[in-house]
Protein backbone atom coordinates (compact mmCIF):
# COMPACT_ATOMS: atom_id res chain seq x y z
CA MET A 1 220.14 103.77 -161.09
CA ALA A 2 222.82 101.51 -159.70
CA LYS A 3 226.43 101.90 -160.83
CA ASN A 4 227.86 98.84 -162.54
CA ILE A 5 231.20 98.02 -160.98
CA GLY A 6 233.92 95.49 -161.58
CA ILE A 7 236.44 94.17 -159.08
CA ILE A 8 239.98 93.03 -159.85
CA TYR A 9 241.30 90.66 -157.20
CA CYS A 10 244.73 89.20 -156.37
CA GLN A 11 245.09 85.80 -158.03
CA LYS A 12 247.53 84.56 -155.35
CA ILE A 13 245.18 85.41 -152.50
CA GLN A 14 242.02 84.17 -154.20
CA ASP A 15 242.27 80.75 -155.74
CA ALA A 16 239.23 78.90 -157.10
CA THR A 17 237.14 80.30 -154.27
CA CYS A 18 237.86 83.07 -151.82
CA VAL A 19 236.19 83.39 -148.47
CA GLY A 20 237.51 86.96 -148.39
CA CYS A 21 235.35 87.92 -151.38
CA ALA A 22 232.40 87.92 -149.01
CA LYS A 23 233.95 91.11 -147.61
CA CYS A 24 233.80 92.84 -151.01
CA TYR A 25 230.19 91.77 -151.51
CA LYS A 26 229.30 92.88 -147.99
CA ALA A 27 230.85 96.33 -148.53
CA VAL A 28 228.94 96.81 -151.81
CA ASN A 29 225.64 95.44 -150.53
CA GLU A 30 225.75 97.44 -147.29
CA LYS A 31 227.06 100.62 -148.95
CA ALA A 32 230.06 100.63 -146.63
CA PHE A 33 233.63 101.94 -146.92
CA ASN A 34 234.37 102.90 -150.55
CA PHE A 35 230.72 102.39 -151.49
CA GLU A 36 229.10 104.79 -149.01
CA ASN A 37 226.34 106.86 -150.61
CA THR A 38 226.63 104.74 -153.77
CA ASP A 39 224.06 102.40 -155.23
CA ALA A 40 226.25 99.78 -156.93
CA GLN A 41 226.02 96.29 -158.34
CA ILE A 42 228.93 94.01 -159.20
CA VAL A 43 228.87 93.10 -162.89
CA PHE A 44 232.23 91.32 -163.02
CA LYS A 45 235.15 90.04 -161.00
CA THR A 46 238.45 89.03 -162.53
CA SER A 47 241.91 88.30 -161.24
CA CYS A 48 244.99 90.40 -161.82
CA GLY A 49 246.31 87.54 -163.95
CA GLY A 50 248.91 86.40 -161.45
CA CYS A 51 252.45 87.65 -160.96
CA PRO A 52 253.64 89.70 -162.70
CA GLY A 53 250.05 90.24 -163.84
CA LEU A 54 248.14 90.07 -167.10
CA VAL A 55 245.37 92.33 -165.93
CA LEU A 56 245.05 94.34 -169.16
CA PRO A 57 244.39 91.36 -171.50
CA LYS A 58 242.01 89.82 -168.95
CA LEU A 59 240.18 93.11 -168.59
CA GLN A 60 240.00 93.60 -172.35
CA LEU A 61 238.33 90.21 -172.74
CA GLN A 62 235.98 90.95 -169.83
CA MET A 63 234.94 94.26 -171.38
CA LEU A 64 234.29 92.57 -174.76
CA VAL A 65 231.98 90.07 -173.08
CA LEU A 66 230.15 92.80 -171.17
CA ASP A 67 229.84 94.87 -174.35
CA SER A 68 228.27 91.90 -176.14
CA LEU A 69 225.77 91.70 -173.28
CA LYS A 70 225.15 95.46 -173.52
CA VAL A 71 226.39 95.97 -169.96
CA LYS A 72 228.23 99.22 -169.29
CA VAL A 73 230.88 99.37 -166.55
CA ASP A 74 230.81 102.61 -164.56
CA GLU A 75 233.70 101.99 -162.15
CA ILE A 76 236.48 99.46 -161.60
CA TYR A 77 238.00 98.65 -158.22
CA PHE A 78 241.19 96.86 -157.29
CA GLY A 79 240.18 94.72 -154.33
CA THR A 80 241.66 95.30 -150.91
CA CYS A 81 243.47 91.98 -151.45
CA VAL A 82 245.55 93.64 -154.19
CA GLU A 83 246.49 96.44 -151.78
CA LYS A 84 247.48 93.87 -149.18
CA SER A 85 249.52 91.82 -151.63
CA LYS A 86 251.45 94.98 -152.58
CA ALA A 87 252.11 95.79 -148.92
CA LEU A 88 252.77 92.31 -147.55
CA MET A 89 253.71 89.93 -150.37
CA ASN A 90 256.01 91.94 -152.66
CA CYS A 91 253.46 92.08 -155.48
CA PRO A 92 255.35 93.35 -158.55
CA MET A 93 252.38 95.22 -160.05
CA ASN A 94 252.84 98.96 -160.61
CA LEU A 95 249.41 99.72 -159.21
CA ASP A 96 249.45 103.46 -159.98
CA GLY A 97 250.68 102.84 -163.53
CA ILE A 98 248.18 100.10 -164.33
CA LYS A 99 245.36 102.16 -162.79
CA GLU A 100 246.19 105.03 -165.16
CA LYS A 101 246.40 102.66 -168.17
CA ILE A 102 243.02 101.11 -167.39
CA GLU A 103 241.41 104.55 -167.02
CA SER A 104 242.97 105.68 -170.30
CA ILE A 105 242.12 102.56 -172.33
CA PHE A 106 238.60 101.91 -171.04
CA GLN A 107 237.58 105.47 -170.05
CA VAL A 108 236.33 104.21 -166.68
CA PRO A 109 237.43 105.54 -163.28
CA VAL A 110 239.53 103.08 -161.27
CA PHE A 111 239.78 102.97 -157.48
CA VAL A 112 242.04 101.03 -155.14
CA GLY A 113 240.47 99.20 -152.21
CA THR A 114 237.02 97.83 -151.59
CA HIS A 115 236.72 97.54 -147.81
CA GLN A 116 238.54 97.83 -144.48
CA TYR A 117 237.39 94.62 -142.80
């Protein structure tokens, strides 16, 4: 059975459309990088909420919608774009802190990074 995963992306890097998202889909579909030996399907994507980030309220709404659809989320990933924005664009998000909060609130493991393309 495939794992249902969600991806949180950087709102500044991805606007209305993101050509880079093809990299996340490619990694999942080809079971590459963080998805090796994992059968996964993407059930949601949402932004971090912009700087300084409203990721928790956005995620709470996303989880309510998925719950109403009877879709369980098995894992959540911060996209590689979030990692890059932390390293290169002075992203103010406390990634370790928000990762712990998400895991605590939603009882779902959270990982950082989706690919290395």
